[in-house]
Amino acid sequence: MGVIYFNRNDPRIIVPKRFRSMGWTMNFARPMAIPALLLMTAVILVPFEILDRLEIHSNQTRGLIIIIEIIGLIAFCSWRADPSRYLKNQSDS
């Protein structure tokens, strides 16, 4: 149905969606997909929990963190979804 990507033959954990402009999705056939998803969720939520514990309620600080997180997640997903990384590793074997 196109909602969940599950492909045992694809070595990538993060894959581009069918329409590349729509972002990335997880390959749930890979054993590390769930831990990777939990780690990315923690990376998003932990900085805000730290700000709350430090009682920093500045909207500018929160906005800056959101921008940094978005840029970081885009870079990470783009890097992990690059098929040339896996093709090169397979040709070395």
PDB file of N, CA and C in Angstrom:
ATOM      1  N   MET A   1       0.829  -1.206   0.000  1.00  0.00           N
ATOM      2  CA  MET A   1       0.000   0.000   0.000  1.00  0.00           C
ATOM      3  C   MET A   1       0.871   1.268   0.000  1.00  0.00           C
ATOM      4  N   GLY A   2       2.174   1.120   0.160  1.00  0.00           N
ATOM      5  CA  GLY A   2       3.040   2.285   0.113  1.00  0.00           C
ATOM      6  C   GLY A   2       3.189   3.018   1.434  1.00  0.00           C
ATOM      7  N   VAL A   3       2.630   2.482   2.512  1.00  0.00           N
ATOM      8  CA  VAL A   3       2.713   3.162   3.799  1.00  0.00           C
ATOM      9  C   VAL A   3       3.985   2.769   4.546  1.00  0.00           C
ATOM     10  N   ILE A   4       4.318   1.479   4.526  1.00  0.00           N
ATOM     11  CA  ILE A   4       5.498   0.966   5.224  1.00  0.00           C
ATOM     12  C   ILE A   4       6.422   0.330   4.192  1.00  0.00           C
ATOM     13  N   TYR A   5       7.697   0.698   4.240  1.00  0.00           N
ATOM     14  CA  TYR A   5       8.687   0.124   3.324  1.00  0.00           C
ATOM     15  C   TYR A   5       9.316  -1.079   4.000  1.00  0.00           C
ATOM     16  N   PHE A   6       9.258  -2.229   3.338  1.00  0.00           N
ATOM     17  CA  PHE A   6       9.789  -3.472   3.881  1.00  0.00           C
ATOM     18  C   PHE A   6      10.433  -4.227   2.724  1.00  0.00           C
ATOM     19  N   ASN A   7      11.773  -4.183   2.644  1.00  0.00           N
ATOM     20  CA  ASN A   7      12.484  -4.831   1.551  1.00  0.00           C
ATOM     21  C   ASN A   7      13.753  -5.461   2.104  1.00  0.00           C
ATOM     22  N   ARG A   8      13.749  -6.780   2.215  1.00  0.00           N
ATOM     23  CA  ARG A   8      14.910  -7.492   2.772  1.00  0.00           C
ATOM     24  C   ARG A   8      16.142  -7.390   1.877  1.00  0.00           C
ATOM     25  N   ASN A   9      15.943  -7.148   0.583  1.00  0.00           N
ATOM     26  CA  ASN A   9      17.072  -7.064  -0.350  1.00  0.00           C
ATOM     27  C   ASN A   9      17.752  -5.702  -0.336  1.00  0.00           C
ATOM     28  N   ASP A  10      17.141  -4.721   0.275  1.00  0.00           N
ATOM     29  CA  ASP A  10      17.703  -3.371   0.341  1.00  0.00           C
ATOM     30  C   ASP A  10      18.495  -3.242   1.639  1.00  0.00           C
ATOM     31  N   PRO A  11      19.815  -3.022   1.577  1.00  0.00           N
ATOM     32  CA  PRO A  11      20.620  -2.973   2.798  1.00  0.00           C
ATOM     33  C   PRO A  11      20.463  -1.673   3.593  1.00  0.00           C
ATOM     34  N   ARG A  12      19.807  -0.676   3.016  1.00  0.00           N
ATOM     35  CA  ARG A  12      19.693   0.620   3.692  1.00  0.00           C
ATOM     36  C   ARG A  12      18.622   0.581   4.784  1.00  0.00           C
ATOM     37  N   ILE A  13      18.884   1.306   5.861  1.00  0.00           N
ATOM     38  CA  ILE A  13      17.893   1.463   6.932  1.00  0.00           C
ATOM     39  C   ILE A  13      16.957   2.621   6.584  1.00  0.00           C
ATOM     40  N   ILE A  14      17.526   3.690   6.071  1.00  0.00           N
ATOM     41  CA  ILE A  14      16.746   4.866   5.669  1.00  0.00           C
ATOM     42  C   ILE A  14      16.774   4.933   4.153  1.00  0.00           C
ATOM     43  N   VAL A  15      15.597   5.024   3.552  1.00  0.00           N
ATOM     44  CA  VAL A  15      15.483   5.047   2.096  1.00  0.00           C
ATOM     45  C   VAL A  15      14.653   6.245   1.659  1.00  0.00           C
ATOM     46  N   PRO A  16      14.947   6.773   0.460  1.00  0.00           N
ATOM     47  CA  PRO A  16      14.116   7.871  -0.027  1.00  0.00           C
ATOM     48  C   PRO A  16      12.722   7.360  -0.382  1.00  0.00           C
ATOM     49  N   LYS A  17      11.731   8.207  -0.183  1.00  0.00           N
ATOM     50  CA  LYS A  17      10.377   7.833  -0.575  1.00  0.00           C
ATOM     51  C   LYS A  17      10.285   7.775  -2.088  1.00  0.00           C
ATOM     52  N   ARG A  18       9.220   7.180  -2.578  1.00  0.00           N
ATOM     53  CA  ARG A  18       9.049   7.025  -4.016  1.00  0.00           C
ATOM     54  C   ARG A  18       9.179   8.359  -4.740  1.00  0.00           C
ATOM     55  N   PHE A  19       8.559   9.389  -4.200  1.00  0.00           N
ATOM     56  CA  PHE A  19       8.718  10.745  -4.720  1.00  0.00           C
ATOM     57  C   PHE A  19       9.764  11.413  -3.839  1.00  0.00           C
ATOM     58  N   ARG A  20      10.970  11.572  -4.350  1.00  0.00           N
ATOM     59  CA  ARG A  20      12.111  12.029  -3.546  1.00  0.00           C
ATOM     60  C   ARG A  20      11.857  13.338  -2.800  1.00  0.00           C
ATOM     61  N   SER A  21      11.026  14.196  -3.363  1.00  0.00           N
ATOM     62  CA  SER A  21      10.765  15.475  -2.691  1.00  0.00           C
ATOM     63  C   SER A  21       9.931  15.296  -1.424  1.00  0.00           C
ATOM     64  N   MET A  22       9.442  14.097  -1.172  1.00  0.00           N
ATOM     65  CA  MET A  22       8.612  13.830   0.004  1.00  0.00           C
ATOM     66  C   MET A  22       9.434  13.371   1.211  1.00  0.00           C
ATOM     67  N   GLY A  23      10.750  13.224   1.048  1.00  0.00           N
ATOM     68  CA  GLY A  23      11.588  12.879   2.185  1.00  0.00           C
ATOM     69  C   GLY A  23      12.038  11.431   2.182  1.00  0.00           C
ATOM     70  N   TRP A  24      12.173  10.861   3.382  1.00  0.00           N
ATOM     71  CA  TRP A  24      12.705   9.519   3.550  1.00  0.00           C
ATOM     72  C   TRP A  24      11.767   8.702   4.417  1.00  0.00           C
ATOM     73  N   THR A  25      11.993   7.406   4.413  1.00  0.00           N
ATOM     74  CA  THR A  25      11.252   6.496   5.263  1.00  0.00           C
ATOM     75  C   THR A  25      12.212   5.423   5.766  1.00  0.00           C
ATOM     76  N   MET A  26      11.753   4.611   6.677  1.00  0.00           N
ATOM     77  CA  MET A  26      12.580   3.553   7.251  1.00  0.00           C
ATOM     78  C   MET A  26      12.299   2.243   6.517  1.00  0.00           C
ATOM     79  N   ASN A  27      13.334   1.430   6.347  1.00  0.00           N
ATOM     80  CA  ASN A  27      13.180   0.084   5.811  1.00  0.00           C
ATOM     81  C   ASN A  27      12.994  -0.843   7.008  1.00  0.00           C
ATOM     82  N   PHE A  28      11.762  -1.206   7.279  1.00  0.00           N
ATOM     83  CA  PHE A  28      11.460  -1.983   8.474  1.00  0.00           C
ATOM     84  C   PHE A  28      11.851  -3.456   8.349  1.00  0.00           C
ATOM     85  N   ALA A  29      12.437  -3.858   7.219  1.00  0.00           N
ATOM     86  CA  ALA A  29      12.990  -5.209   7.084  1.00  0.00           C
ATOM     87  C   ALA A  29      14.359  -5.303   7.740  1.00  0.00           C
ATOM     88  N   ARG A  30      14.990  -4.176   7.998  1.00  0.00           N
ATOM     89  CA  ARG A  30      16.303  -4.148   8.631  1.00  0.00           C
ATOM     90  C   ARG A  30      16.136  -4.193  10.149  1.00  0.00           C
ATOM     91  N   PRO A  31      16.919  -5.027  10.836  1.00  0.00           N
ATOM     92  CA  PRO A  31      16.794  -5.128  12.294  1.00  0.00           C
ATOM     93  C   PRO A  31      17.087  -3.822  13.039  1.00  0.00           C
ATOM     94  N   MET A  32      17.897  -2.953  12.472  1.00  0.00           N
ATOM     95  CA  MET A  32      18.266  -1.710  13.154  1.00  0.00           C
ATOM     96  C   MET A  32      17.280  -0.569  12.895  1.00  0.00           C
ATOM     97  N   ALA A  33      16.200  -0.814  12.175  1.00  0.00           N
ATOM     98  CA  ALA A  33      15.258   0.257  11.841  1.00  0.00           C
ATOM     99  C   ALA A  33      14.583   0.827  13.091  1.00  0.00           C
ATOM    100  N   ILE A  34      14.101  -0.026  13.972  1.00  0.00           N
ATOM    101  CA  ILE A  34      13.403   0.447  15.175  1.00  0.00           C
ATOM    102  C   ILE A  34      14.370   1.192  16.104  1.00  0.00           C
ATOM    103  N   PRO A  35      15.564   0.643  16.423  1.00  0.00           N
ATOM    104  CA  PRO A  35      16.498   1.420  17.244  1.00  0.00           C
ATOM    105  C   PRO A  35      16.886   2.748  16.605  1.00  0.00           C
ATOM    106  N   ALA A  36      17.048   2.777  15.278  1.00  0.00           N
ATOM    107  CA  ALA A  36      17.388   4.033  14.600  1.00  0.00           C
ATOM    108  C   ALA A  36      16.251   5.037  14.726  1.00  0.00           C
ATOM    109  N   LEU A  37      15.026   4.571  14.591  1.00  0.00           N
ATOM    110  CA  LEU A  37      13.863   5.444  14.739  1.00  0.00           C
ATOM    111  C   LEU A  37      13.773   5.993  16.164  1.00  0.00           C
ATOM    112  N   LEU A  38      14.009   5.150  17.156  1.00  0.00           N
ATOM    113  CA  LEU A  38      13.992   5.598  18.555  1.00  0.00           C
ATOM    114  C   LEU A  38      15.114   6.589  18.830  1.00  0.00           C
ATOM    115  N   LEU A  39      16.284   6.349  18.257  1.00  0.00           N
ATOM    116  CA  LEU A  39      17.417   7.267  18.441  1.00  0.00           C
ATOM    117  C   LEU A  39      17.112   8.635  17.826  1.00  0.00           C
ATOM    118  N   MET A  40      16.542   8.651  16.631  1.00  0.00           N
ATOM    119  CA  MET A  40      16.210   9.931  15.994  1.00  0.00           C
ATOM    120  C   MET A  40      15.142  10.673  16.799  1.00  0.00           C
ATOM    121  N   THR A  41      14.184   9.931  17.350  1.00  0.00           N
ATOM    122  CA  THR A  41      13.163  10.559  18.188  1.00  0.00           C
ATOM    123  C   THR A  41      13.793  11.169  19.440  1.00  0.00           C
ATOM    124  N   ALA A  42      14.730  10.445  20.050  1.00  0.00           N
ATOM    125  CA  ALA A  42      15.420  10.970  21.236  1.00  0.00           C
ATOM    126  C   ALA A  42      16.231  12.212  20.899  1.00  0.00           C
ATOM    127  N   VAL A  43      16.889  12.206  19.737  1.00  0.00           N
ATOM    128  CA  VAL A  43      17.684  13.372  19.324  1.00  0.00           C
ATOM    129  C   VAL A  43      16.796  14.601  19.186  1.00  0.00           C
ATOM    130  N   ILE A  44      15.557  14.390  18.787  1.00  0.00           N
ATOM    131  CA  ILE A  44      14.627  15.511  18.645  1.00  0.00           C
ATOM    132  C   ILE A  44      14.112  15.979  20.009  1.00  0.00           C
ATOM    133  N   LEU A  45      13.779  15.050  20.893  1.00  0.00           N
ATOM    134  CA  LEU A  45      13.109  15.411  22.141  1.00  0.00           C
ATOM    135  C   LEU A  45      14.043  15.795  23.287  1.00  0.00           C
ATOM    136  N   VAL A  46      15.204  15.185  23.369  1.00  0.00           N
ATOM    137  CA  VAL A  46      16.107  15.411  24.509  1.00  0.00           C
ATOM    138  C   VAL A  46      16.532  16.871  24.671  1.00  0.00           C
ATOM    139  N   PRO A  47      16.905  17.586  23.609  1.00  0.00           N
ATOM    140  CA  PRO A  47      17.292  18.987  23.815  1.00  0.00           C
ATOM    141  C   PRO A  47      16.192  19.839  24.455  1.00  0.00           C
ATOM    142  N   PHE A  48      14.941  19.566  24.112  1.00  0.00           N
ATOM    143  CA  PHE A  48      13.841  20.332  24.706  1.00  0.00           C
ATOM    144  C   PHE A  48      13.642  19.960  26.178  1.00  0.00           C
ATOM    145  N   GLU A  49      13.863  18.709  26.503  1.00  0.00           N
ATOM    146  CA  GLU A  49      13.793  18.290  27.907  1.00  0.00           C
ATOM    147  C   GLU A  49      14.910  18.959  28.708  1.00  0.00           C
ATOM    148  N   ILE A  50      16.091  19.056  28.132  1.00  0.00           N
ATOM    149  CA  ILE A  50      17.203  19.732  28.808  1.00  0.00           C
ATOM    150  C   ILE A  50      16.878  21.207  29.027  1.00  0.00           C
ATOM    151  N   LEU A  51      16.323  21.868  28.003  1.00  0.00           N
ATOM    152  CA  LEU A  51      15.941  23.276  28.167  1.00  0.00           C
ATOM    153  C   LEU A  51      14.903  23.444  29.273  1.00  0.00           C
ATOM    154  N   ASP A  52      13.938  22.539  29.334  1.00  0.00           N
ATOM    155  CA  ASP A  52      12.921  22.620  30.392  1.00  0.00           C
ATOM    156  C   ASP A  52      13.542  22.432  31.775  1.00  0.00           C
ATOM    157  N   ARG A  53      14.461  21.499  31.897  1.00  0.00           N
ATOM    158  CA  ARG A  53      15.112  21.260  33.196  1.00  0.00           C
ATOM    159  C   ARG A  53      15.979  22.438  33.617  1.00  0.00           C
ATOM    160  N   LEU A  54      16.574  23.116  32.626  1.00  0.00           N
ATOM    161  CA  LEU A  54      17.387  24.299  32.925  1.00  0.00           C
ATOM    162  C   LEU A  54      16.543  25.563  33.031  1.00  0.00           C
ATOM    163  N   GLU A  55      15.242  25.403  32.831  1.00  0.00           N
ATOM    164  CA  GLU A  55      14.274  26.500  32.895  1.00  0.00           C
ATOM    165  C   GLU A  55      14.603  27.606  31.897  1.00  0.00           C
ATOM    166  N   ILE A  56      14.984  27.202  30.700  1.00  0.00           N
ATOM    167  CA  ILE A  56      15.215  28.141  29.598  1.00  0.00           C
ATOM    168  C   ILE A  56      13.987  28.088  28.704  1.00  0.00           C
ATOM    169  N   HIS A  57      13.248  29.168  28.667  1.00  0.00           N
ATOM    170  CA  HIS A  57      11.986  29.184  27.931  1.00  0.00           C
ATOM    171  C   HIS A  57      12.012  30.175  26.773  1.00  0.00           C
ATOM    172  N   SER A  58      13.182  30.504  26.280  1.00  0.00           N
ATOM    173  CA  SER A  58      13.335  31.461  25.200  1.00  0.00           C
ATOM    174  C   SER A  58      12.865  30.848  23.880  1.00  0.00           C
ATOM    175  N   ASN A  59      11.959  31.539  23.205  1.00  0.00           N
ATOM    176  CA  ASN A  59      11.489  31.064  21.904  1.00  0.00           C
ATOM    177  C   ASN A  59      12.603  31.087  20.874  1.00  0.00           C
ATOM    178  N   GLN A  60      13.535  32.029  20.994  1.00  0.00           N
ATOM    179  CA  GLN A  60      14.656  32.083  20.058  1.00  0.00           C
ATOM    180  C   GLN A  60      15.545  30.848  20.207  1.00  0.00           C
ATOM    181  N   THR A  61      15.798  30.440  21.434  1.00  0.00           N
ATOM    182  CA  THR A  61      16.616  29.256  21.675  1.00  0.00           C
ATOM    183  C   THR A  61      15.934  28.019  21.131  1.00  0.00           C
ATOM    184  N   ARG A  62      14.644  27.890  21.397  1.00  0.00           N
ATOM    185  CA  ARG A  62      13.888  26.729  20.902  1.00  0.00           C
ATOM    186  C   ARG A  62      13.837  26.729  19.379  1.00  0.00           C
ATOM    187  N   GLY A  63      13.661  27.887  18.780  1.00  0.00           N
ATOM    188  CA  GLY A  63      13.640  27.986  17.323  1.00  0.00           C
ATOM    189  C   GLY A  63      14.971  27.584  16.717  1.00  0.00           C
ATOM    190  N   LEU A  64      16.060  28.021  17.347  1.00  0.00           N
ATOM    191  CA  LEU A  64      17.395  27.663  16.872  1.00  0.00           C
ATOM    192  C   LEU A  64      17.610  26.155  16.964  1.00  0.00           C
ATOM    193  N   ILE A  65      17.171  25.542  18.048  1.00  0.00           N
ATOM    194  CA  ILE A  65      17.308  24.096  18.203  1.00  0.00           C
ATOM    195  C   ILE A  65      16.504  23.371  17.127  1.00  0.00           C
ATOM    196  N   ILE A  66      15.302  23.840  16.851  1.00  0.00           N
ATOM    197  CA  ILE A  66      14.478  23.214  15.813  1.00  0.00           C
ATOM    198  C   ILE A  66      15.171  23.285  14.459  1.00  0.00           C
ATOM    199  N   ILE A  67      15.731  24.439  14.130  1.00  0.00           N
ATOM    200  CA  ILE A  67      16.432  24.599  12.843  1.00  0.00           C
ATOM    201  C   ILE A  67      17.638  23.670  12.766  1.00  0.00           C
ATOM    202  N   ILE A  68      18.419  23.596  13.832  1.00  0.00           N
ATOM    203  CA  ILE A  68      19.600  22.720  13.858  1.00  0.00           C
ATOM    204  C   ILE A  68      19.182  21.262  13.725  1.00  0.00           C
ATOM    205  N   GLU A  69      18.103  20.867  14.420  1.00  0.00           N
ATOM    206  CA  GLU A  69      17.630  19.489  14.339  1.00  0.00           C
ATOM    207  C   GLU A  69      17.149  19.147  12.933  1.00  0.00           C
ATOM    208  N   ILE A  70      16.426  20.036  12.306  1.00  0.00           N
ATOM    209  CA  ILE A  70      15.925  19.778  10.953  1.00  0.00           C
ATOM    210  C   ILE A  70      17.088  19.623   9.983  1.00  0.00           C
ATOM    211  N   ILE A  71      18.050  20.533  10.041  1.00  0.00           N
ATOM    212  CA  ILE A  71      19.213  20.449   9.147  1.00  0.00           C
ATOM    213  C   ILE A  71      19.992  19.157   9.424  1.00  0.00           C
ATOM    214  N   GLY A  72      20.185  18.829  10.675  1.00  0.00           N
ATOM    215  CA  GLY A  72      20.916  17.612  11.031  1.00  0.00           C
ATOM    216  C   GLY A  72      20.217  16.346  10.571  1.00  0.00           C
ATOM    217  N   LEU A  73      18.896  16.281  10.761  1.00  0.00           N
ATOM    218  CA  LEU A  73      18.161  15.093  10.330  1.00  0.00           C
ATOM    219  C   LEU A  73      18.126  14.964   8.812  1.00  0.00           C
ATOM    220  N   ILE A  74      18.006  16.069   8.110  1.00  0.00           N
ATOM    221  CA  ILE A  74      18.038  16.026   6.643  1.00  0.00           C
ATOM    222  C   ILE A  74      19.399  15.521   6.174  1.00  0.00           C
ATOM    223  N   ALA A  75      20.474  16.046   6.754  1.00  0.00           N
ATOM    224  CA  ALA A  75      21.817  15.612   6.363  1.00  0.00           C
ATOM    225  C   ALA A  75      22.030  14.131   6.687  1.00  0.00           C
ATOM    226  N   PHE A  76      21.596  13.707   7.867  1.00  0.00           N
ATOM    227  CA  PHE A  76      21.760  12.304   8.268  1.00  0.00           C
ATOM    228  C   PHE A  76      20.974  11.370   7.354  1.00  0.00           C
ATOM    229  N   CYS A  77      19.716  11.689   7.099  1.00  0.00           N
ATOM    230  CA  CYS A  77      18.881  10.836   6.246  1.00  0.00           C
ATOM    231  C   CYS A  77      19.411  10.796   4.820  1.00  0.00           C
ATOM    232  N   SER A  78      19.851  11.924   4.324  1.00  0.00           N
ATOM    233  CA  SER A  78      20.405  11.973   2.971  1.00  0.00           C
ATOM    234  C   SER A  78      21.666  11.119   2.874  1.00  0.00           C
ATOM    235  N   TRP A  79      22.512  11.191   3.878  1.00  0.00           N
ATOM    236  CA  TRP A  79      23.747  10.410   3.909  1.00  0.00           C
ATOM    237  C   TRP A  79      23.447   8.917   4.004  1.00  0.00           C
ATOM    238  N   ARG A  80      22.530   8.529   4.910  1.00  0.00           N
ATOM    239  CA  ARG A  80      22.223   7.118   5.113  1.00  0.00           C
ATOM    240  C   ARG A  80      21.457   6.509   3.945  1.00  0.00           C
ATOM    241  N   ALA A  81      20.688   7.312   3.215  1.00  0.00           N
ATOM    242  CA  ALA A  81      19.870   6.792   2.116  1.00  0.00           C
ATOM    243  C   ALA A  81      20.621   6.738   0.796  1.00  0.00           C
ATOM    244  N   ASP A  82      21.842   7.218   0.752  1.00  0.00           N
ATOM    245  CA  ASP A  82      22.603   7.262  -0.492  1.00  0.00           C
ATOM    246  C   ASP A  82      22.963   5.847  -0.943  1.00  0.00           C
ATOM    247  N   PRO A  83      22.390   5.385  -2.051  1.00  0.00           N
ATOM    248  CA  PRO A  83      22.660   4.009  -2.482  1.00  0.00           C
ATOM    249  C   PRO A  83      24.100   3.785  -2.910  1.00  0.00           C
ATOM    250  N   SER A  84      24.813   4.814  -3.312  1.00  0.00           N
ATOM    251  CA  SER A  84      26.199   4.626  -3.756  1.00  0.00           C
ATOM    252  C   SER A  84      27.086   4.145  -2.616  1.00  0.00           C
ATOM    253  N   ARG A  85      26.754   4.471  -1.373  1.00  0.00           N
ATOM    254  CA  ARG A  85      27.532   3.983  -0.225  1.00  0.00           C
ATOM    255  C   ARG A  85      27.465   2.457  -0.155  1.00  0.00           C
ATOM    256  N   TYR A  86      26.294   1.896  -0.433  1.00  0.00           N
ATOM    257  CA  TYR A  86      26.106   0.461  -0.324  1.00  0.00           C
ATOM    258  C   TYR A  86      26.635  -0.267  -1.554  1.00  0.00           C
ATOM    259  N   LEU A  87      26.500   0.352  -2.719  1.00  0.00           N
ATOM    260  CA  LEU A  87      27.012  -0.273  -3.937  1.00  0.00           C
ATOM    261  C   LEU A  87      28.531  -0.363  -3.892  1.00  0.00           C
ATOM    262  N   LYS A  88      29.186   0.664  -3.369  1.00  0.00           N
ATOM    263  CA  LYS A  88      30.638   0.676  -3.253  1.00  0.00           C
ATOM    264  C   LYS A  88      31.091  -0.408  -2.270  1.00  0.00           C
ATOM    265  N   ASN A  89      30.380  -0.534  -1.137  1.00  0.00           N
ATOM    266  CA  ASN A  89      30.742  -1.545  -0.147  1.00  0.00           C
ATOM    267  C   ASN A  89      30.560  -2.963  -0.697  1.00  0.00           C
ATOM    268  N   GLN A  90      29.537  -3.171  -1.509  1.00  0.00           N
ATOM    269  CA  GLN A  90      29.299  -4.504  -2.078  1.00  0.00           C
ATOM    270  C   GLN A  90      30.351  -4.851  -3.130  1.00  0.00           C
ATOM    271  N   SER A  91      30.805  -3.849  -3.886  1.00  0.00           N
ATOM    272  CA  SER A  91      31.808  -4.115  -4.908  1.00  0.00           C
ATOM    273  C   SER A  91      33.177  -4.400  -4.284  1.00  0.00           C
ATOM    274  N   ASP A  92      33.420  -3.891  -3.060  1.00  0.00           N
ATOM    275  CA  ASP A  92      34.680  -4.148  -2.372  1.00  0.00           C
ATOM    276  C   ASP A  92      34.761  -5.598  -1.866  1.00  0.00           C
ATOM    277  N   SER A  93      33.603  -6.211  -1.633  1.00  0.00           N
ATOM    278  CA  SER A  93      33.570  -7.566  -1.065  1.00  0.00           C
ATOM    279  C   SER A  93      33.952  -8.626  -2.073  1.00  0.00           C
TER     280      SER A  93
END
